[in-house]
PDB file of N, CA and C in Angstrom:
ATOM      1  N   UNK A   1     194.569 179.832 -14.318  1.00  0.00           N
ATOM      2  CA  UNK A   1     194.476 178.733 -15.268  1.00  0.00           C
ATOM      3  C   UNK A   1     195.144 177.477 -14.710  1.00  0.00           C
ATOM      4  N   UNK A   2     196.250 177.651 -14.028  1.00  0.00           N
ATOM      5  CA  UNK A   2     196.967 176.524 -13.477  1.00  0.00           C
ATOM      6  C   UNK A   2     196.165 175.830 -12.379  1.00  0.00           C
ATOM      7  N   UNK A   3     195.442 176.589 -11.579  1.00  0.00           N
ATOM      8  CA  UNK A   3     194.620 176.017 -10.506  1.00  0.00           C
ATOM      9  C   UNK A   3     193.477 175.185 -11.095  1.00  0.00           C
ATOM     10  N   UNK A   4     192.898 175.647 -12.163  1.00  0.00           N
ATOM     11  CA  UNK A   4     191.806 174.899 -12.818  1.00  0.00           C
ATOM     12  C   UNK A   4     192.332 173.583 -13.376  1.00  0.00           C
ATOM     13  N   UNK A   5     193.511 173.584 -13.897  1.00  0.00           N
ATOM     14  CA  UNK A   5     194.129 172.363 -14.402  1.00  0.00           C
ATOM     15  C   UNK A   5     194.328 171.331 -13.299  1.00  0.00           C
ATOM     16  N   UNK A   6     194.752 171.771 -12.131  1.00  0.00           N
ATOM     17  CA  UNK A   6     194.934 170.855 -11.003  1.00  0.00           C
ATOM     18  C   UNK A   6     193.599 170.285 -10.532  1.00  0.00           C
ATOM     19  N   UNK A   7     192.578 171.118 -10.511  1.00  0.00           N
ATOM     20  CA  UNK A   7     191.255 170.643 -10.093  1.00  0.00           C
ATOM     21  C   UNK A   7     190.748 169.588 -11.071  1.00  0.00           C
ATOM     22  N   UNK A   8     190.897 169.824 -12.353  1.00  0.00           N
ATOM     23  CA  UNK A   8     190.479 168.856 -13.366  1.00  0.00           C
ATOM     24  C   UNK A   8     191.288 167.569 -13.215  1.00  0.00           C
ATOM     25  N   UNK A   9     192.564 167.687 -12.957  1.00  0.00           N
ATOM     26  CA  UNK A   9     193.429 166.524 -12.769  1.00  0.00           C
ATOM     27  C   UNK A   9     192.983 165.701 -11.555  1.00  0.00           C
ATOM     28  N   UNK A  10     192.709 166.351 -10.443  1.00  0.00           N
ATOM     29  CA  UNK A  10     192.281 165.654  -9.226  1.00  0.00           C
ATOM     30  C   UNK A  10     190.921 164.996  -9.434  1.00  0.00           C
ATOM     31  N   UNK A  11     189.992 165.676 -10.083  1.00  0.00           N
ATOM     32  CA  UNK A  11     188.680 165.096 -10.367  1.00  0.00           C
ATOM     33  C   UNK A  11     188.830 163.876 -11.273  1.00  0.00           C
ATOM     34  N   UNK A  12     189.706 163.946 -12.253  1.00  0.00           N
ATOM     35  CA  UNK A  12     189.925 162.809 -13.153  1.00  0.00           C
ATOM     36  C   UNK A  12     190.507 161.620 -12.395  1.00  0.00           C
ATOM     37  N   UNK A  13     191.433 161.858 -11.504  1.00  0.00           N
ATOM     38  CA  UNK A  13     192.026 160.777 -10.697  1.00  0.00           C
ATOM     39  C   UNK A  13     190.959 160.154  -9.800  1.00  0.00           C
ATOM     40  N   UNK A  14     190.129 160.972  -9.163  1.00  0.00           N
ATOM     41  CA  UNK A  14     189.059 160.449  -8.301  1.00  0.00           C
ATOM     42  C   UNK A  14     188.065 159.625  -9.109  1.00  0.00           C
ATOM     43  N   UNK A  15     187.703 160.082 -10.291  1.00  0.00           N
ATOM     44  CA  UNK A  15     186.784 159.335 -11.150  1.00  0.00           C
ATOM     45  C   UNK A  15     187.397 158.000 -11.554  1.00  0.00           C
ATOM     46  N   UNK A  16     188.678 157.989 -11.841  1.00  0.00           N
ATOM     47  CA  UNK A  16     189.356 156.753 -12.208  1.00  0.00           C
ATOM     48  C   UNK A  16     189.336 155.755 -11.043  1.00  0.00           C
ATOM     49  N   UNK A  17     189.628 156.227  -9.840  1.00  0.00           N
ATOM     50  CA  UNK A  17     189.563 155.350  -8.671  1.00  0.00           C
ATOM     51  C   UNK A  17     188.158 154.787  -8.487  1.00  0.00           C
ATOM     52  N   UNK A  18     187.139 155.610  -8.694  1.00  0.00           N
ATOM     53  CA  UNK A  18     185.755 155.146  -8.532  1.00  0.00           C
ATOM     54  C   UNK A  18     185.448 154.031  -9.529  1.00  0.00           C
ATOM     55  N   UNK A  19     185.760 154.243 -10.798  1.00  0.00           N
ATOM     56  CA  UNK A  19     185.414 153.262 -11.826  1.00  0.00           C
ATOM     57  C   UNK A  19     186.291 152.015 -11.794  1.00  0.00           C
ATOM     58  N   UNK A  20     187.489 152.109 -11.239  1.00  0.00           N
ATOM     59  CA  UNK A  20     188.361 150.944 -11.162  1.00  0.00           C
ATOM     60  C   UNK A  20     188.194 150.191  -9.846  1.00  0.00           C
ATOM     61  N   UNK A  21     187.960 150.890  -8.751  1.00  0.00           N
ATOM     62  CA  UNK A  21     187.925 150.240  -7.451  1.00  0.00           C
ATOM     63  C   UNK A  21     186.553 150.097  -6.822  1.00  0.00           C
ATOM     64  N   UNK A  22     185.821 151.165  -6.709  1.00  0.00           N
ATOM     65  CA  UNK A  22     184.572 151.158  -5.944  1.00  0.00           C
ATOM     66  C   UNK A  22     183.433 150.519  -6.716  1.00  0.00           C
ATOM     67  N   UNK A  23     183.237 150.902  -7.935  1.00  0.00           N
ATOM     68  CA  UNK A  23     182.092 150.417  -8.709  1.00  0.00           C
ATOM     69  C   UNK A  23     182.085 148.900  -8.904  1.00  0.00           C
ATOM     70  N   UNK A  24     183.213 148.266  -9.264  1.00  0.00           N
ATOM     71  CA  UNK A  24     183.202 146.805  -9.389  1.00  0.00           C
ATOM     72  C   UNK A  24     182.870 146.098  -8.069  1.00  0.00           C
ATOM     73  N   UNK A  25     183.330 146.644  -6.941  1.00  0.00           N
ATOM     74  CA  UNK A  25     183.002 146.050  -5.650  1.00  0.00           C
ATOM     75  C   UNK A  25     181.518 146.137  -5.369  1.00  0.00           C
ATOM     76  N   UNK A  26     180.898 147.259  -5.718  1.00  0.00           N
ATOM     77  CA  UNK A  26     179.460 147.407  -5.512  1.00  0.00           C
ATOM     78  C   UNK A  26     178.689 146.410  -6.371  1.00  0.00           C
ATOM     79  N   UNK A  27     179.113 146.213  -7.599  1.00  0.00           N
ATOM     80  CA  UNK A  27     178.448 145.249  -8.479  1.00  0.00           C
ATOM     81  C   UNK A  27     178.590 143.827  -7.935  1.00  0.00           C
ATOM     82  N   UNK A  28     179.777 143.486  -7.457  1.00  0.00           N
ATOM     83  CA  UNK A  28     180.017 142.152  -6.915  1.00  0.00           C
ATOM     84  C   UNK A  28     179.192 141.930  -5.646  1.00  0.00           C
ATOM     85  N   UNK A  29     179.093 142.932  -4.795  1.00  0.00           N
ATOM     86  CA  UNK A  29     178.297 142.827  -3.565  1.00  0.00           C
ATOM     87  C   UNK A  29     176.820 142.629  -3.896  1.00  0.00           C
ATOM     88  N   UNK A  30     176.324 143.350  -4.903  1.00  0.00           N
ATOM     89  CA  UNK A  30     174.924 143.215  -5.316  1.00  0.00           C
ATOM     90  C   UNK A  30     174.673 141.815  -5.888  1.00  0.00           C
ATOM     91  N   UNK A  31     175.596 141.323  -6.678  1.00  0.00           N
ATOM     92  CA  UNK A  31     175.479 139.976  -7.251  1.00  0.00           C
ATOM     93  C   UNK A  31     175.450 138.918  -6.147  1.00  0.00           C
ATOM     94  N   UNK A  32     176.314 139.067  -5.123  1.00  0.00           N
ATOM     95  CA  UNK A  32     176.354 138.136  -3.998  1.00  0.00           C
ATOM     96  C   UNK A  32     175.036 138.171  -3.217  1.00  0.00           C
ATOM     97  N   UNK A  33     174.490 139.361  -2.981  1.00  0.00           N
ATOM     98  CA  UNK A  33     173.229 139.485  -2.251  1.00  0.00           C
ATOM     99  C   UNK A  33     172.080 138.846  -3.024  1.00  0.00           C
ATOM    100  N   UNK A  34     172.059 139.015  -4.343  1.00  0.00           N
ATOM    101  CA  UNK A  34     171.019 138.388  -5.160  1.00  0.00           C
ATOM    102  C   UNK A  34     171.133 136.871  -5.118  1.00  0.00           C
ATOM    103  N   UNK A  35     172.369 136.355  -5.135  1.00  0.00           N
ATOM    104  CA  UNK A  35     172.574 134.913  -5.062  1.00  0.00           C
ATOM    105  C   UNK A  35     172.070 134.380  -3.719  1.00  0.00           C
ATOM    106  N   UNK A  36     172.402 135.054  -2.633  1.00  0.00           N
ATOM    107  CA  UNK A  36     171.978 134.601  -1.314  1.00  0.00           C
ATOM    108  C   UNK A  36     170.470 134.704  -1.134  1.00  0.00           C
ATOM    109  N   UNK A  37     169.843 135.660  -1.795  1.00  0.00           N
ATOM    110  CA  UNK A  37     168.386 135.796  -1.709  1.00  0.00           C
ATOM    111  C   UNK A  37     167.677 134.669  -2.459  1.00  0.00           C
ATOM    112  N   UNK A  38     168.350 134.067  -3.430  1.00  0.00           N
ATOM    113  CA  UNK A  38     167.717 133.025  -4.238  1.00  0.00           C
ATOM    114  C   UNK A  38     167.923 131.621  -3.691  1.00  0.00           C
ATOM    115  N   UNK A  39     168.664 131.484  -2.596  1.00  0.00           N
ATOM    116  CA  UNK A  39     168.944 130.161  -2.043  1.00  0.00           C
ATOM    117  C   UNK A  39     167.658 129.557  -1.475  1.00  0.00           C
ATOM    118  N   UNK A  40     167.510 128.240  -1.640  1.00  0.00           N
ATOM    119  CA  UNK A  40     166.316 127.540  -1.171  1.00  0.00           C
ATOM    120  C   UNK A  40     166.708 126.181  -0.599  1.00  0.00           C
ATOM    121  N   UNK A  41     165.802 125.603   0.172  1.00  0.00           N
ATOM    122  CA  UNK A  41     166.021 124.271   0.739  1.00  0.00           C
ATOM    123  C   UNK A  41     166.176 123.277  -0.405  1.00  0.00           C
ATOM    124  N   UNK A  42     167.163 122.407  -0.314  1.00  0.00           N
ATOM    125  CA  UNK A  42     167.436 121.413  -1.338  1.00  0.00           C
ATOM    126  C   UNK A  42     168.542 121.801  -2.291  1.00  0.00           C
ATOM    127  N   UNK A  43     168.977 123.054  -2.262  1.00  0.00           N
ATOM    128  CA  UNK A  43     170.071 123.497  -3.127  1.00  0.00           C
ATOM    129  C   UNK A  43     171.402 122.951  -2.626  1.00  0.00           C
ATOM    130  N   UNK A  44     172.260 122.598  -3.565  1.00  0.00           N
ATOM    131  CA  UNK A  44     173.625 122.215  -3.226  1.00  0.00           C
ATOM    132  C   UNK A  44     174.459 123.486  -3.202  1.00  0.00           C
ATOM    133  N   UNK A  45     175.250 123.659  -2.150  1.00  0.00           N
ATOM    134  CA  UNK A  45     176.037 124.879  -1.994  1.00  0.00           C
ATOM    135  C   UNK A  45     177.506 124.543  -1.786  1.00  0.00           C
ATOM    136  N   UNK A  46     178.343 125.482  -2.161  1.00  0.00           N
ATOM    137  CA  UNK A  46     179.767 125.447  -1.867  1.00  0.00           C
ATOM    138  C   UNK A  46     180.005 126.547  -0.846  1.00  0.00           C
ATOM    139  N   UNK A  47     180.586 126.198   0.288  1.00  0.00           N
ATOM    140  CA  UNK A  47     180.840 127.196   1.322  1.00  0.00           C
ATOM    141  C   UNK A  47     182.159 127.903   1.065  1.00  0.00           C
ATOM    142  N   UNK A  48     182.365 128.993   1.773  1.00  0.00           N
ATOM    143  CA  UNK A  48     183.617 129.739   1.610  1.00  0.00           C
ATOM    144  C   UNK A  48     184.814 128.946   2.104  1.00  0.00           C
ATOM    145  N   UNK A  49     184.579 127.934   2.930  1.00  0.00           N
ATOM    146  CA  UNK A  49     185.685 127.097   3.401  1.00  0.00           C
ATOM    147  C   UNK A  49     185.928 125.895   2.495  1.00  0.00           C
ATOM    148  N   UNK A  50     185.166 125.774   1.400  1.00  0.00           N
ATOM    149  CA  UNK A  50     185.434 124.744   0.404  1.00  0.00           C
ATOM    150  C   UNK A  50     184.635 123.468   0.556  1.00  0.00           C
ATOM    151  N   UNK A  51     183.633 123.443   1.416  1.00  0.00           N
ATOM    152  CA  UNK A  51     182.823 122.245   1.604  1.00  0.00           C
ATOM    153  C   UNK A  51     181.558 122.311   0.751  1.00  0.00           C
ATOM    154  N   UNK A  52     181.188 121.169   0.161  1.00  0.00           N
ATOM    155  CA  UNK A  52     179.929 121.053  -0.563  1.00  0.00           C
ATOM    156  C   UNK A  52     178.897 120.437   0.356  1.00  0.00           C
ATOM    157  N   UNK A  53     177.683 120.932   0.311  1.00  0.00           N
ATOM    158  CA  UNK A  53     176.620 120.387   1.142  1.00  0.00           C
ATOM    159  C   UNK A  53     175.263 120.743   0.563  1.00  0.00           C
ATOM    160  N   UNK A  54     174.221 120.229   1.201  1.00  0.00           N
ATOM    161  CA  UNK A  54     172.849 120.464   0.769  1.00  0.00           C
ATOM    162  C   UNK A  54     172.115 121.205   1.883  1.00  0.00           C
ATOM    163  N   UNK A  55     171.403 122.244   1.530  1.00  0.00           N
ATOM    164  CA  UNK A  55     170.642 122.999   2.516  1.00  0.00           C
ATOM    165  C   UNK A  55     169.405 122.200   2.890  1.00  0.00           C
ATOM    166  N   UNK A  56     169.228 121.964   4.208  1.00  0.00           N
ATOM    167  CA  UNK A  56     168.062 121.201   4.658  1.00  0.00           C
ATOM    168  C   UNK A  56     167.071 122.059   5.436  1.00  0.00           C
ATOM    169  N   UNK A  57     167.505 123.243   5.903  1.00  0.00           N
ATOM    170  CA  UNK A  57     166.605 124.152   6.611  1.00  0.00           C
ATOM    171  C   UNK A  57     167.213 125.545   6.576  1.00  0.00           C
ATOM    172  N   UNK A  58     166.372 126.582   6.674  1.00  0.00           N
ATOM    173  CA  UNK A  58     166.867 127.949   6.640  1.00  0.00           C
ATOM    174  C   UNK A  58     166.020 128.865   7.504  1.00  0.00           C
ATOM    175  N   UNK A  59     166.657 129.925   7.983  1.00  0.00           N
ATOM    176  CA  UNK A  59     165.981 131.050   8.600  1.00  0.00           C
ATOM    177  C   UNK A  59     166.429 132.291   7.844  1.00  0.00           C
ATOM    178  N   UNK A  60     166.172 133.470   8.394  1.00  0.00           N
ATOM    179  CA  UNK A  60     166.514 134.702   7.682  1.00  0.00           C
ATOM    180  C   UNK A  60     168.001 134.832   7.376  1.00  0.00           C
ATOM    181  N   UNK A  61     168.855 134.552   8.358  1.00  0.00           N
ATOM    182  CA  UNK A  61     170.280 134.762   8.141  1.00  0.00           C
ATOM    183  C   UNK A  61     171.133 133.520   8.362  1.00  0.00           C
ATOM    184  N   UNK A  62     170.517 132.386   8.670  1.00  0.00           N
ATOM    185  CA  UNK A  62     171.282 131.149   8.852  1.00  0.00           C
ATOM    186  C   UNK A  62     170.680 130.024   8.020  1.00  0.00           C
ATOM    187  N   UNK A  63     171.508 129.056   7.715  1.00  0.00           N
ATOM    188  CA  UNK A  63     171.070 127.850   7.010  1.00  0.00           C
ATOM    189  C   UNK A  63     171.650 126.645   7.740  1.00  0.00           C
ATOM    190  N   UNK A  64     170.975 125.517   7.643  1.00  0.00           N
ATOM    191  CA  UNK A  64     171.528 124.267   8.154  1.00  0.00           C
ATOM    192  C   UNK A  64     171.914 123.451   6.933  1.00  0.00           C
ATOM    193  N   UNK A  65     173.196 123.132   6.855  1.00  0.00           N
ATOM    194  CA  UNK A  65     173.742 122.440   5.697  1.00  0.00           C
ATOM    195  C   UNK A  65     174.144 121.033   6.110  1.00  0.00           C
ATOM    196  N   UNK A  66     173.773 120.083   5.270  1.00  0.00           N
ATOM    197  CA  UNK A  66     174.096 118.677   5.502  1.00  0.00           C
ATOM    198  C   UNK A  66     175.287 118.311   4.622  1.00  0.00           C
ATOM    199  N   UNK A  67     176.347 117.820   5.246  1.00  0.00           N
ATOM    200  CA  UNK A  67     177.573 117.486   4.530  1.00  0.00           C
ATOM    201  C   UNK A  67     177.766 115.979   4.500  1.00  0.00           C
ATOM    202  N   UNK A  68     178.380 115.481   3.458  1.00  0.00           N
ATOM    203  CA  UNK A  68     178.737 114.071   3.368  1.00  0.00           C
ATOM    204  C   UNK A  68     177.586 113.193   2.927  1.00  0.00           C
ATOM    205  N   UNK A  69     177.916 111.949   2.615  1.00  0.00           N
ATOM    206  CA  UNK A  69     176.910 111.009   2.111  1.00  0.00           C
ATOM    207  C   UNK A  69     176.214 110.238   3.225  1.00  0.00           C
ATOM    208  N   UNK A  70     176.739 110.304   4.447  1.00  0.00           N
ATOM    209  CA  UNK A  70     176.126 109.541   5.530  1.00  0.00           C
ATOM    210  C   UNK A  70     174.966 110.285   6.191  1.00  0.00           C
ATOM    211  N   UNK A  71     174.714 111.533   5.805  1.00  0.00           N
ATOM    212  CA  UNK A  71     173.591 112.348   6.270  1.00  0.00           C
ATOM    213  C   UNK A  71     173.616 112.609   7.772  1.00  0.00           C
ATOM    214  N   UNK A  72     174.744 112.452   8.428  1.00  0.00           N
ATOM    215  CA  UNK A  72     174.826 112.671   9.863  1.00  0.00           C
ATOM    216  C   UNK A  72     175.507 113.985  10.237  1.00  0.00           C
ATOM    217  N   UNK A  73     176.090 114.657   9.285  1.00  0.00           N
ATOM    218  CA  UNK A  73     176.825 115.887   9.578  1.00  0.00           C
ATOM    219  C   UNK A  73     175.985 117.082   9.146  1.00  0.00           C
ATOM    220  N   UNK A  74     175.291 117.685  10.101  1.00  0.00           N
ATOM    221  CA  UNK A  74     174.455 118.857   9.835  1.00  0.00           C
ATOM    222  C   UNK A  74     174.994 120.026  10.638  1.00  0.00           C
ATOM    223  N   UNK A  75     175.324 121.091   9.938  1.00  0.00           N
ATOM    224  CA  UNK A  75     175.972 122.228  10.579  1.00  0.00           C
ATOM    225  C   UNK A  75     175.196 123.504  10.277  1.00  0.00           C
ATOM    226  N   UNK A  76     174.801 124.246  11.324  1.00  0.00           N
ATOM    227  CA  UNK A  76     174.208 125.565  11.077  1.00  0.00           C
ATOM    228  C   UNK A  76     175.311 126.566  10.732  1.00  0.00           C
ATOM    229  N   UNK A  77     175.036 127.418   9.770  1.00  0.00           N
ATOM    230  CA  UNK A  77     176.023 128.406   9.353  1.00  0.00           C
ATOM    231  C   UNK A  77     175.319 129.648   8.828  1.00  0.00           C
ATOM    232  N   UNK A  78     176.032 130.736   8.743  1.00  0.00           N
ATOM    233  CA  UNK A  78     175.481 131.970   8.211  1.00  0.00           C
ATOM    234  C   UNK A  78     175.337 131.863   6.698  1.00  0.00           C
ATOM    235  N   UNK A  79     174.308 132.530   6.168  1.00  0.00           N
ATOM    236  CA  UNK A  79     174.132 132.540   4.714  1.00  0.00           C
ATOM    237  C   UNK A  79     175.325 133.169   4.012  1.00  0.00           C
ATOM    238  N   UNK A  80     175.966 134.109   4.673  1.00  0.00           N
ATOM    239  CA  UNK A  80     177.102 134.801   4.064  1.00  0.00           C
ATOM    240  C   UNK A  80     178.274 133.862   3.789  1.00  0.00           C
ATOM    241  N   UNK A  81     178.287 132.675   4.388  1.00  0.00           N
ATOM    242  CA  UNK A  81     179.369 131.713   4.165  1.00  0.00           C
ATOM    243  C   UNK A  81     179.157 130.886   2.905  1.00  0.00           C
ATOM    244  N   UNK A  82     178.102 131.154   2.160  1.00  0.00           N
ATOM    245  CA  UNK A  82     177.839 130.431   0.913  1.00  0.00           C
ATOM    246  C   UNK A  82     178.556 131.157  -0.220  1.00  0.00           C
ATOM    247  N   UNK A  83     179.372 130.420  -0.958  1.00  0.00           N
ATOM    248  CA  UNK A  83     180.134 131.001  -2.059  1.00  0.00           C
ATOM    249  C   UNK A  83     179.457 130.766  -3.405  1.00  0.00           C
ATOM    250  N   UNK A  84     178.862 129.580  -3.601  1.00  0.00           N
ATOM    251  CA  UNK A  84     178.185 129.244  -4.857  1.00  0.00           C
ATOM    252  C   UNK A  84     176.957 128.407  -4.558  1.00  0.00           C
ATOM    253  N   UNK A  85     176.003 128.467  -5.482  1.00  0.00           N
ATOM    254  CA  UNK A  85     174.772 127.695  -5.339  1.00  0.00           C
ATOM    255  C   UNK A  85     174.552 126.893  -6.627  1.00  0.00           C
ATOM    256  N   UNK A  86     174.192 125.637  -6.445  1.00  0.00           N
ATOM    257  CA  UNK A  86     173.745 124.808  -7.571  1.00  0.00           C
ATOM    258  C   UNK A  86     172.299 124.452  -7.264  1.00  0.00           C
ATOM    259  N   UNK A  87     171.378 124.964  -8.065  1.00  0.00           N
ATOM    260  CA  UNK A  87     169.951 124.760  -7.810  1.00  0.00           C
ATOM    261  C   UNK A  87     169.586 123.303  -7.910  1.00  0.00           C
ATOM    262  N   UNK A  88     168.658 122.895  -7.051  1.00  0.00           N
ATOM    263  CA  UNK A  88     168.168 121.507  -7.050  1.00  0.00           C
ATOM    264  C   UNK A  88     167.339 121.277  -8.311  1.00  0.00           C
ATOM    265  N   UNK A  89     167.517 120.122  -8.937  1.00  0.00           N
ATOM    266  CA  UNK A  89     166.715 119.798 -10.125  1.00  0.00           C
ATOM    267  C   UNK A  89     165.394 119.207  -9.667  1.00  0.00           C
ATOM    268  N   UNK A  90     164.318 119.795 -10.155  1.00  0.00           N
ATOM    269  CA  UNK A  90     162.980 119.360  -9.716  1.00  0.00           C
ATOM    270  C   UNK A  90     162.413 118.317 -10.617  1.00  0.00           C
TER     271      UNK A  90
END
């Protein structure tokens, strides 16, 4: 009986770790992937380094982002460096 109690206790602890640690990370990763899949040319983005810019061109895993108002600063970067997207108003 005592061994069964320990097994139930260990299973309960593992389930708690899953629901507190692993599952929220999986949801956040899925949300991030959906956001990156919806990015399009003309969207305003916030990068992980804190810069705002406009996407002017894209490939499968990279984007070219234009920073500043003078339109001379264009930097290629990975899509994974995008933290937030503000859709372009059509």
